């Protein structure tokens, strides 16, 4: 499996206290805590991720 290209969410705190990283693949969105990358990432299908974002935005 190819290594995921992780990037920090633009919503993560600038003080390094609330860091979330995201990696996008054709099949899923992967989310992890950047303070402890040894923990498993959460992987969500693209449609599930879209529903989550709509809900988080209040829609």
Protein backbone atom coordinates (compact mmCIF):
# COMPACT_ATOMS: atom_id res chain seq x y z
CA UNK A 1 0.00 0.00 0.00
CA UNK A 2 1.27 3.45 -0.89
CA UNK A 3 1.98 5.81 2.01
CA UNK A 4 -0.75 8.36 2.58
CA UNK A 5 -0.04 12.06 2.00
CA UNK A 6 -1.18 13.66 5.27
CA UNK A 7 -1.93 17.37 5.65
CA UNK A 8 -3.01 19.37 8.66
CA UNK A 9 -6.57 20.59 8.73
CA UNK A 10 -6.98 24.34 8.33
CA UNK A 11 -9.23 24.15 11.42
CA UNK A 12 -6.44 22.82 13.65
CA UNK A 13 -5.27 25.16 16.38
CA UNK A 14 -2.19 27.25 15.71
CA UNK A 15 -0.83 26.45 19.19
CA UNK A 16 -0.32 22.76 18.32
CA UNK A 17 -2.98 21.66 20.78
CA UNK A 18 -5.80 20.56 18.46
CA UNK A 19 -4.11 19.05 15.45
CA UNK A 20 -6.00 16.89 13.02
CA UNK A 21 -4.42 15.55 9.85
CA UNK A 22 -6.29 14.34 6.79
CA UNK A 23 -5.29 12.16 3.85
CA UNK A 24 -7.47 11.74 0.77
CA UNK A 25 -7.56 8.69 -1.49
CA UNK A 26 -9.90 7.67 -4.30
CA UNK A 27 -11.82 5.42 -1.90
CA UNK A 28 -11.83 7.27 1.43
CA UNK A 29 -10.92 10.19 3.64
CA UNK A 30 -8.52 9.29 6.47
CA UNK A 31 -8.30 11.35 9.67
CA UNK A 32 -5.73 11.07 12.47
CA UNK A 33 -4.46 12.89 15.55
CA UNK A 34 -1.16 14.47 14.56
CA UNK A 35 0.06 14.48 18.17
CA UNK A 36 0.14 10.65 18.19
CA UNK A 37 0.41 9.23 14.68
CA UNK A 38 0.88 5.72 16.11
CA UNK A 39 -2.84 5.61 16.88
CA UNK A 40 -5.06 4.19 14.14
CA UNK A 41 -6.58 6.63 11.70
CA UNK A 42 -10.32 6.84 11.13
CA UNK A 43 -11.26 6.08 7.53
CA UNK A 44 -14.57 7.20 6.05
CA UNK A 45 -15.97 6.62 2.58
CA UNK A 46 -16.36 9.70 0.40
CA UNK A 47 -20.17 9.78 0.67
CA UNK A 48 -20.01 9.35 4.45
CA UNK A 49 -17.48 12.19 4.64
CA UNK A 50 -19.76 14.44 2.56
CA UNK A 51 -22.69 13.70 4.89
CA UNK A 52 -20.50 14.45 7.92
CA UNK A 53 -19.42 17.81 6.46
CA UNK A 54 -23.00 18.77 5.62
CA UNK A 55 -24.08 17.92 9.17
CA UNK A 56 -21.12 19.77 10.72
CA UNK A 57 -21.99 22.84 8.64
CA UNK A 58 -25.53 22.75 10.01
CA UNK A 59 -27.21 21.46 6.87
